[in-house]
PDB file of N, CA and C in Angstrom:
ATOM      1  N   MET A   1       0.425 -22.033   1.194  1.00  0.00           N
ATOM      2  CA  MET A   1       0.749 -22.090   2.602  1.00  0.00           C
ATOM      3  C   MET A   1       1.602 -23.311   2.860  1.00  0.00           C
ATOM      4  N   SER A   2       2.598 -23.194   3.716  1.00  0.00           N
ATOM      5  CA  SER A   2       3.518 -24.275   4.007  1.00  0.00           C
ATOM      6  C   SER A   2       3.329 -24.769   5.426  1.00  0.00           C
ATOM      7  N   TYR A   3       3.276 -26.074   5.606  1.00  0.00           N
ATOM      8  CA  TYR A   3       3.143 -26.668   6.921  1.00  0.00           C
ATOM      9  C   TYR A   3       4.385 -27.522   7.199  1.00  0.00           C
ATOM     10  N   MET A   4       4.905 -27.432   8.429  1.00  0.00           N
ATOM     11  CA  MET A   4       6.063 -28.213   8.785  1.00  0.00           C
ATOM     12  C   MET A   4       5.727 -29.012  10.033  1.00  0.00           C
ATOM     13  N   MET A   5       5.949 -30.304  10.002  1.00  0.00           N
ATOM     14  CA  MET A   5       5.703 -31.143  11.162  1.00  0.00           C
ATOM     15  C   MET A   5       6.845 -30.960  12.144  1.00  0.00           C
ATOM     16  N   VAL A   6       6.485 -30.905  13.420  1.00  0.00           N
ATOM     17  CA  VAL A   6       7.501 -30.829  14.474  1.00  0.00           C
ATOM     18  C   VAL A   6       8.312 -32.113  14.433  1.00  0.00           C
ATOM     19  N   GLY A   7       9.620 -32.007  14.547  1.00  0.00           N
ATOM     20  CA  GLY A   7      10.485 -33.175  14.566  1.00  0.00           C
ATOM     21  C   GLY A   7      11.087 -33.527  13.224  1.00  0.00           C
ATOM     22  N   THR A   8      10.676 -32.856  12.145  1.00  0.00           N
ATOM     23  CA  THR A   8      11.260 -33.140  10.825  1.00  0.00           C
ATOM     24  C   THR A   8      11.968 -31.870  10.337  1.00  0.00           C
ATOM     25  N   TYR A   9      13.000 -32.070   9.525  1.00  0.00           N
ATOM     26  CA  TYR A   9      13.672 -30.920   8.938  1.00  0.00           C
ATOM     27  C   TYR A   9      12.805 -30.333   7.836  1.00  0.00           C
ATOM     28  N   GLY A  10      12.786 -29.028   7.765  1.00  0.00           N
ATOM     29  CA  GLY A  10      12.113 -28.342   6.661  1.00  0.00           C
ATOM     30  C   GLY A  10      13.056 -28.345   5.455  1.00  0.00           C
ATOM     31  N   PRO A  11      12.612 -27.735   4.360  1.00  0.00           N
ATOM     32  CA  PRO A  11      13.449 -27.674   3.170  1.00  0.00           C
ATOM     33  C   PRO A  11      14.655 -26.758   3.358  1.00  0.00           C
ATOM     34  N   PHE A  12      15.710 -27.011   2.600  1.00  0.00           N
ATOM     35  CA  PHE A  12      16.858 -26.115   2.644  1.00  0.00           C
ATOM     36  C   PHE A  12      16.513 -24.798   1.962  1.00  0.00           C
ATOM     37  N   SER A  13      17.078 -23.726   2.494  1.00  0.00           N
ATOM     38  CA  SER A  13      16.872 -22.410   1.932  1.00  0.00           C
ATOM     39  C   SER A  13      18.196 -21.667   1.880  1.00  0.00           C
ATOM     40  N   SER A  14      18.419 -20.944   0.811  1.00  0.00           N
ATOM     41  CA  SER A  14      19.647 -20.148   0.703  1.00  0.00           C
ATOM     42  C   SER A  14      19.457 -18.800   1.378  1.00  0.00           C
ATOM     43  N   LEU A  15      18.266 -18.520   1.889  1.00  0.00           N
ATOM     44  CA  LEU A  15      18.007 -17.283   2.641  1.00  0.00           C
ATOM     45  C   LEU A  15      18.263 -17.571   4.114  1.00  0.00           C
ATOM     46  N   LEU A  16      19.433 -17.179   4.573  1.00  0.00           N
ATOM     47  CA  LEU A  16      19.831 -17.425   5.946  1.00  0.00           C
ATOM     48  C   LEU A  16      19.405 -16.224   6.807  1.00  0.00           C
ATOM     49  N   ASP A  17      18.427 -16.421   7.685  1.00  0.00           N
ATOM     50  CA  ASP A  17      17.948 -15.306   8.483  1.00  0.00           C
ATOM     51  C   ASP A  17      18.912 -14.978   9.621  1.00  0.00           C
ATOM     52  N   GLU A  18      18.646 -13.892  10.325  1.00  0.00           N
ATOM     53  CA  GLU A  18      19.551 -13.426  11.387  1.00  0.00           C
ATOM     54  C   GLU A  18      19.691 -14.447  12.506  1.00  0.00           C
ATOM     55  N   ARG A  19      18.619 -15.116  12.854  1.00  0.00           N
ATOM     56  CA  ARG A  19      18.669 -16.112  13.935  1.00  0.00           C
ATOM     57  C   ARG A  19      19.599 -17.263  13.562  1.00  0.00           C
ATOM     58  N   ALA A  20      19.482 -17.755  12.342  1.00  0.00           N
ATOM     59  CA  ALA A  20      20.343 -18.871  11.881  1.00  0.00           C
ATOM     60  C   ALA A  20      21.813 -18.432  11.852  1.00  0.00           C
ATOM     61  N   MET A  21      22.080 -17.218  11.349  1.00  0.00           N
ATOM     62  CA  MET A  21      23.466 -16.755  11.278  1.00  0.00           C
ATOM     63  C   MET A  21      24.074 -16.524  12.663  1.00  0.00           C
ATOM     64  N   MET A  22      23.276 -16.016  13.597  1.00  0.00           N
ATOM     65  CA  MET A  22      23.774 -15.834  14.967  1.00  0.00           C
ATOM     66  C   MET A  22      24.115 -17.190  15.590  1.00  0.00           C
ATOM     67  N   CYS A  23      23.265 -18.171  15.375  1.00  0.00           N
ATOM     68  CA  CYS A  23      23.522 -19.522  15.884  1.00  0.00           C
ATOM     69  C   CYS A  23      24.784 -20.100  15.281  1.00  0.00           C
ATOM     70  N   PHE A  24      24.970 -19.964  13.951  1.00  0.00           N
ATOM     71  CA  PHE A  24      26.143 -20.455  13.266  1.00  0.00           C
ATOM     72  C   PHE A  24      27.402 -19.800  13.818  1.00  0.00           C
ATOM     73  N   LYS A  25      27.389 -18.495  13.960  1.00  0.00           N
ATOM     74  CA  LYS A  25      28.565 -17.764  14.458  1.00  0.00           C
ATOM     75  C   LYS A  25      28.901 -18.158  15.902  1.00  0.00           C
ATOM     76  N   GLU A  26      27.880 -18.358  16.715  1.00  0.00           N
ATOM     77  CA  GLU A  26      28.081 -18.768  18.102  1.00  0.00           C
ATOM     78  C   GLU A  26      28.738 -20.148  18.190  1.00  0.00           C
ATOM     79  N   ALA A  27      28.271 -21.088  17.368  1.00  0.00           N
ATOM     80  CA  ALA A  27      28.770 -22.439  17.411  1.00  0.00           C
ATOM     81  C   ALA A  27      30.147 -22.595  16.779  1.00  0.00           C
ATOM     82  N   THR A  28      30.496 -21.737  15.830  1.00  0.00           N
ATOM     83  CA  THR A  28      31.781 -21.899  15.092  1.00  0.00           C
ATOM     84  C   THR A  28      32.810 -20.848  15.499  1.00  0.00           C
ATOM     85  N   ALA A  29      32.569 -20.101  16.549  1.00  0.00           N
ATOM     86  CA  ALA A  29      33.467 -19.024  16.946  1.00  0.00           C
ATOM     87  C   ALA A  29      34.871 -19.512  17.240  1.00  0.00           C
ATOM     88  N   HIS A  30      35.032 -20.745  17.653  1.00  0.00           N
ATOM     89  CA  HIS A  30      36.343 -21.280  18.016  1.00  0.00           C
ATOM     90  C   HIS A  30      37.120 -21.884  16.842  1.00  0.00           C
ATOM     91  N   PHE A  31      36.543 -21.911  15.650  1.00  0.00           N
ATOM     92  CA  PHE A  31      37.227 -22.499  14.509  1.00  0.00           C
ATOM     93  C   PHE A  31      38.390 -21.634  14.107  1.00  0.00           C
ATOM     94  N   ASP A  32      39.594 -22.222  14.018  1.00  0.00           N
ATOM     95  CA  ASP A  32      40.799 -21.471  13.693  1.00  0.00           C
ATOM     96  C   ASP A  32      41.397 -21.827  12.344  1.00  0.00           C
ATOM     97  N   ASP A  33      41.384 -23.115  11.968  1.00  0.00           N
ATOM     98  CA  ASP A  33      42.112 -23.562  10.792  1.00  0.00           C
ATOM     99  C   ASP A  33      41.323 -23.507   9.487  1.00  0.00           C
ATOM    100  N   PHE A  34      40.000 -23.435   9.582  1.00  0.00           N
ATOM    101  CA  PHE A  34      39.161 -23.473   8.410  1.00  0.00           C
ATOM    102  C   PHE A  34      38.139 -22.337   8.486  1.00  0.00           C
ATOM    103  N   ILE A  35      37.734 -21.865   7.309  1.00  0.00           N
ATOM    104  CA  ILE A  35      36.666 -20.860   7.211  1.00  0.00           C
ATOM    105  C   ILE A  35      35.445 -21.559   6.636  1.00  0.00           C
ATOM    106  N   TYR A  36      34.378 -21.614   7.448  1.00  0.00           N
ATOM    107  CA  TYR A  36      33.114 -22.232   7.025  1.00  0.00           C
ATOM    108  C   TYR A  36      32.176 -21.107   6.604  1.00  0.00           C
ATOM    109  N   THR A  37      31.667 -21.188   5.374  1.00  0.00           N
ATOM    110  CA  THR A  37      30.732 -20.201   4.859  1.00  0.00           C
ATOM    111  C   THR A  37      29.402 -20.889   4.573  1.00  0.00           C
ATOM    112  N   PRO A  38      28.372 -20.581   5.385  1.00  0.00           N
ATOM    113  CA  PRO A  38      27.081 -21.254   5.139  1.00  0.00           C
ATOM    114  C   PRO A  38      26.448 -20.770   3.840  1.00  0.00           C
ATOM    115  N   VAL A  39      25.935 -21.728   3.074  1.00  0.00           N
ATOM    116  CA  VAL A  39      25.329 -21.438   1.780  1.00  0.00           C
ATOM    117  C   VAL A  39      23.802 -21.663   1.842  1.00  0.00           C
ATOM    118  N   ALA A  40      23.381 -22.641   2.625  1.00  0.00           N
ATOM    119  CA  ALA A  40      21.957 -22.965   2.785  1.00  0.00           C
ATOM    120  C   ALA A  40      21.740 -23.575   4.161  1.00  0.00           C
ATOM    121  N   VAL A  41      20.489 -23.491   4.646  1.00  0.00           N
ATOM    122  CA  VAL A  41      20.178 -24.022   5.955  1.00  0.00           C
ATOM    123  C   VAL A  41      18.793 -24.670   5.942  1.00  0.00           C
ATOM    124  N   ALA A  42      18.669 -25.739   6.725  1.00  0.00           N
ATOM    125  CA  ALA A  42      17.355 -26.365   7.016  1.00  0.00           C
ATOM    126  C   ALA A  42      17.260 -26.433   8.527  1.00  0.00           C
ATOM    127  N   THR A  43      16.037 -26.327   9.052  1.00  0.00           N
ATOM    128  CA  THR A  43      15.850 -26.356  10.511  1.00  0.00           C
ATOM    129  C   THR A  43      14.907 -27.477  10.895  1.00  0.00           C
ATOM    130  N   GLN A  44      15.081 -27.926  12.134  1.00  0.00           N
ATOM    131  CA  GLN A  44      14.234 -28.951  12.733  1.00  0.00           C
ATOM    132  C   GLN A  44      13.854 -28.458  14.113  1.00  0.00           C
ATOM    133  N   VAL A  45      12.569 -28.295  14.369  1.00  0.00           N
ATOM    134  CA  VAL A  45      12.107 -27.858  15.676  1.00  0.00           C
ATOM    135  C   VAL A  45      12.030 -29.057  16.606  1.00  0.00           C
ATOM    136  N   VAL A  46      12.760 -28.982  17.712  1.00  0.00           N
ATOM    137  CA  VAL A  46      12.758 -30.004  18.756  1.00  0.00           C
ATOM    138  C   VAL A  46      12.617 -29.222  20.064  1.00  0.00           C
ATOM    139  N   SER A  47      13.212 -29.703  21.127  1.00  0.00           N
ATOM    140  CA  SER A  47      13.260 -28.903  22.370  1.00  0.00           C
ATOM    141  C   SER A  47      14.435 -27.937  22.196  1.00  0.00           C
ATOM    142  N   GLY A  48      14.252 -26.983  21.348  1.00  0.00           N
ATOM    143  CA  GLY A  48      15.288 -26.086  20.819  1.00  0.00           C
ATOM    144  C   GLY A  48      15.196 -26.201  19.311  1.00  0.00           C
ATOM    145  N   THR A  49      16.298 -25.980  18.628  1.00  0.00           N
ATOM    146  CA  THR A  49      16.301 -26.065  17.159  1.00  0.00           C
ATOM    147  C   THR A  49      17.595 -26.744  16.694  1.00  0.00           C
ATOM    148  N   ASN A  50      17.434 -27.703  15.779  1.00  0.00           N
ATOM    149  CA  ASN A  50      18.570 -28.255  15.067  1.00  0.00           C
ATOM    150  C   ASN A  50      18.690 -27.524  13.758  1.00  0.00           C
ATOM    151  N   TYR A  51      19.921 -27.174  13.409  1.00  0.00           N
ATOM    152  CA  TYR A  51      20.204 -26.498  12.152  1.00  0.00           C
ATOM    153  C   TYR A  51      21.143 -27.399  11.356  1.00  0.00           C
ATOM    154  N   ALA A  52      20.843 -27.593  10.077  1.00  0.00           N
ATOM    155  CA  ALA A  52      21.744 -28.285   9.150  1.00  0.00           C
ATOM    156  C   ALA A  52      22.197 -27.234   8.137  1.00  0.00           C
ATOM    157  N   PHE A  53      23.488 -26.870   8.228  1.00  0.00           N
ATOM    158  CA  PHE A  53      24.049 -25.864   7.343  1.00  0.00           C
ATOM    159  C   PHE A  53      24.872 -26.543   6.271  1.00  0.00           C
ATOM    160  N   PHE A  54      24.548 -26.275   5.001  1.00  0.00           N
ATOM    161  CA  PHE A  54      25.405 -26.692   3.884  1.00  0.00           C
ATOM    162  C   PHE A  54      26.443 -25.576   3.732  1.00  0.00           C
ATOM    163  N   CYS A  55      27.739 -25.937   3.835  1.00  0.00           N
ATOM    164  CA  CYS A  55      28.784 -24.918   3.863  1.00  0.00           C
ATOM    165  C   CYS A  55      29.846 -25.160   2.812  1.00  0.00           C
ATOM    166  N   ASP A  56      30.448 -24.054   2.352  1.00  0.00           N
ATOM    167  CA  ASP A  56      31.702 -24.113   1.631  1.00  0.00           C
ATOM    168  C   ASP A  56      32.795 -23.977   2.672  1.00  0.00           C
ATOM    169  N   VAL A  57      33.845 -24.771   2.553  1.00  0.00           N
ATOM    170  CA  VAL A  57      34.916 -24.782   3.542  1.00  0.00           C
ATOM    171  C   VAL A  57      36.230 -24.474   2.865  1.00  0.00           C
ATOM    172  N   ASN A  58      36.965 -23.499   3.417  1.00  0.00           N
ATOM    173  CA  ASN A  58      38.291 -23.116   2.913  1.00  0.00           C
ATOM    174  C   ASN A  58      39.310 -23.304   4.001  1.00  0.00           C
ATOM    175  N   SER A  59      40.433 -23.926   3.657  1.00  0.00           N
ATOM    176  CA  SER A  59      41.532 -24.077   4.601  1.00  0.00           C
ATOM    177  C   SER A  59      42.343 -22.778   4.630  1.00  0.00           C
ATOM    178  N   LYS A  60      42.700 -22.322   5.809  1.00  0.00           N
ATOM    179  CA  LYS A  60      43.501 -21.095   5.918  1.00  0.00           C
ATOM    180  C   LYS A  60      44.961 -21.338   5.519  1.00  0.00           C
ATOM    181  N   GLU A  61      45.405 -22.597   5.549  1.00  0.00           N
ATOM    182  CA  GLU A  61      46.810 -22.891   5.266  1.00  0.00           C
ATOM    183  C   GLU A  61      47.071 -23.424   3.875  1.00  0.00           C
ATOM    184  N   SER A  62      46.034 -23.730   3.119  1.00  0.00           N
ATOM    185  CA  SER A  62      46.222 -24.226   1.764  1.00  0.00           C
ATOM    186  C   SER A  62      45.072 -23.751   0.891  1.00  0.00           C
ATOM    187  N   SER A  63      45.112 -24.135  -0.355  1.00  0.00           N
ATOM    188  CA  SER A  63      44.057 -23.734  -1.274  1.00  0.00           C
ATOM    189  C   SER A  63      42.919 -24.758  -1.299  1.00  0.00           C
ATOM    190  N   GLN A  64      42.901 -25.660  -0.331  1.00  0.00           N
ATOM    191  CA  GLN A  64      41.912 -26.707  -0.270  1.00  0.00           C
ATOM    192  C   GLN A  64      40.510 -26.121  -0.045  1.00  0.00           C
ATOM    193  N   VAL A  65      39.570 -26.501  -0.907  1.00  0.00           N
ATOM    194  CA  VAL A  65      38.170 -26.057  -0.784  1.00  0.00           C
ATOM    195  C   VAL A  65      37.292 -27.287  -0.933  1.00  0.00           C
ATOM    196  N   TYR A  66      36.285 -27.417  -0.058  1.00  0.00           N
ATOM    197  CA  TYR A  66      35.348 -28.513  -0.147  1.00  0.00           C
ATOM    198  C   TYR A  66      34.032 -28.104   0.478  1.00  0.00           C
ATOM    199  N   SER A  67      33.040 -28.995   0.401  1.00  0.00           N
ATOM    200  CA  SER A  67      31.724 -28.742   0.982  1.00  0.00           C
ATOM    201  C   SER A  67      31.553 -29.614   2.215  1.00  0.00           C
ATOM    202  N   ALA A  68      30.735 -29.145   3.151  1.00  0.00           N
ATOM    203  CA  ALA A  68      30.466 -29.890   4.368  1.00  0.00           C
ATOM    204  C   ALA A  68      29.055 -29.587   4.875  1.00  0.00           C
ATOM    205  N   MET A  69      28.485 -30.556   5.571  1.00  0.00           N
ATOM    206  CA  MET A  69      27.209 -30.369   6.261  1.00  0.00           C
ATOM    207  C   MET A  69      27.544 -30.202   7.752  1.00  0.00           C
ATOM    208  N   VAL A  70      27.169 -29.064   8.290  1.00  0.00           N
ATOM    209  CA  VAL A  70      27.452 -28.767   9.706  1.00  0.00           C
ATOM    210  C   VAL A  70      26.118 -28.775  10.444  1.00  0.00           C
ATOM    211  N   THR A  71      25.986 -29.691  11.414  1.00  0.00           N
ATOM    212  CA  THR A  71      24.764 -29.788  12.202  1.00  0.00           C
ATOM    213  C   THR A  71      25.001 -29.142  13.550  1.00  0.00           C
ATOM    214  N   ILE A  72      24.120 -28.201  13.892  1.00  0.00           N
ATOM    215  CA  ILE A  72      24.247 -27.403  15.146  1.00  0.00           C
ATOM    216  C   ILE A  72      22.943 -27.532  15.916  1.00  0.00           C
ATOM    217  N   PHE A  73      23.047 -27.696  17.244  1.00  0.00           N
ATOM    218  CA  PHE A  73      21.869 -27.695  18.119  1.00  0.00           C
ATOM    219  C   PHE A  73      21.878 -26.431  18.944  1.00  0.00           C
ATOM    220  N   LYS A  74      20.762 -25.710  18.928  1.00  0.00           N
ATOM    221  CA  LYS A  74      20.586 -24.509  19.744  1.00  0.00           C
ATOM    222  C   LYS A  74      19.470 -24.803  20.737  1.00  0.00           C
ATOM    223  N   PRO A  75      19.791 -25.006  22.026  1.00  0.00           N
ATOM    224  CA  PRO A  75      18.753 -25.259  23.020  1.00  0.00           C
ATOM    225  C   PRO A  75      17.895 -24.005  23.245  1.00  0.00           C
ATOM    226  N   LEU A  76      16.740 -24.202  23.860  1.00  0.00           N
ATOM    227  CA  LEU A  76      15.866 -23.060  24.136  1.00  0.00           C
ATOM    228  C   LEU A  76      16.587 -22.009  24.961  1.00  0.00           C
ATOM    229  N   ASP A  77      17.322 -22.448  25.966  1.00  0.00           N
ATOM    230  CA  ASP A  77      18.143 -21.564  26.803  1.00  0.00           C
ATOM    231  C   ASP A  77      19.557 -22.119  26.800  1.00  0.00           C
ATOM    232  N   GLY A  78      20.496 -21.383  26.265  1.00  0.00           N
ATOM    233  CA  GLY A  78      21.867 -21.849  26.262  1.00  0.00           C
ATOM    234  C   GLY A  78      22.571 -21.550  24.973  1.00  0.00           C
ATOM    235  N   VAL A  79      23.787 -22.064  24.917  1.00  0.00           N
ATOM    236  CA  VAL A  79      24.697 -21.798  23.802  1.00  0.00           C
ATOM    237  C   VAL A  79      24.558 -22.851  22.720  1.00  0.00           C
ATOM    238  N   ALA A  80      24.616 -22.420  21.465  1.00  0.00           N
ATOM    239  CA  ALA A  80      24.593 -23.346  20.321  1.00  0.00           C
ATOM    240  C   ALA A  80      25.883 -24.146  20.281  1.00  0.00           C
ATOM    241  N   GLY A  81      25.764 -25.431  19.895  1.00  0.00           N
ATOM    242  CA  GLY A  81      26.946 -26.284  19.822  1.00  0.00           C
ATOM    243  C   GLY A  81      26.932 -27.151  18.584  1.00  0.00           C
ATOM    244  N   ILE A  82      28.112 -27.505  18.132  1.00  0.00           N
ATOM    245  CA  ILE A  82      28.299 -28.382  16.963  1.00  0.00           C
ATOM    246  C   ILE A  82      27.908 -29.805  17.347  1.00  0.00           C
ATOM    247  N   MET A  83      27.042 -30.422  16.585  1.00  0.00           N
ATOM    248  CA  MET A  83      26.681 -31.814  16.790  1.00  0.00           C
ATOM    249  C   MET A  83      27.446 -32.723  15.848  1.00  0.00           C
ATOM    250  N   ASP A  84      27.687 -32.237  14.595  1.00  0.00           N
ATOM    251  CA  ASP A  84      28.362 -33.070  13.621  1.00  0.00           C
ATOM    252  C   ASP A  84      28.872 -32.180  12.470  1.00  0.00           C
ATOM    253  N   ILE A  85      30.000 -32.594  11.921  1.00  0.00           N
ATOM    254  CA  ILE A  85      30.519 -31.977  10.692  1.00  0.00           C
ATOM    255  C   ILE A  85      30.835 -33.121   9.751  1.00  0.00           C
ATOM    256  N   GLU A  86      30.164 -33.132   8.607  1.00  0.00           N
ATOM    257  CA  GLU A  86      30.362 -34.204   7.629  1.00  0.00           C
ATOM    258  C   GLU A  86      30.894 -33.608   6.346  1.00  0.00           C
ATOM    259  N   ARG A  87      32.119 -34.030   5.976  1.00  0.00           N
ATOM    260  CA  ARG A  87      32.680 -33.586   4.701  1.00  0.00           C
ATOM    261  C   ARG A  87      31.913 -34.281   3.599  1.00  0.00           C
ATOM    262  N   LEU A  88      31.475 -33.547   2.584  1.00  0.00           N
ATOM    263  CA  LEU A  88      30.694 -34.106   1.496  1.00  0.00           C
ATOM    264  C   LEU A  88      31.571 -34.439   0.307  1.00  0.00           C
ATOM    265  N   ALA A  89      31.241 -35.542  -0.334  1.00  0.00           N
ATOM    266  CA  ALA A  89      31.986 -35.948  -1.510  1.00  0.00           C
ATOM    267  C   ALA A  89      31.805 -34.934  -2.639  1.00  0.00           C
ATOM    268  N   SER A  90      32.878 -34.705  -3.385  1.00  0.00           N
ATOM    269  CA  SER A  90      32.782 -33.742  -4.494  1.00  0.00           C
ATOM    270  C   SER A  90      32.323 -34.398  -5.741  1.00  0.00           C
TER     271      SER A  90
END
């Protein structure tokens, strides 16, 4: 049995459920120049949910590929929004 304390991120999982994917798509719908593909996600329960997505990133204009951590906040009522995008060292 697994217990998660409120306010801390749980472990990363490569199994992205429907709720996480809907949140990711909602928050990244306006992205035009890059394609972000979530590979794993960790969640943090707050007054809403924080999502930390480990992503592969592809540039639409070049062959540039890198990894990034995309942090998204989904309030209890409202639209998910990007809190931070951190490019990760290769």
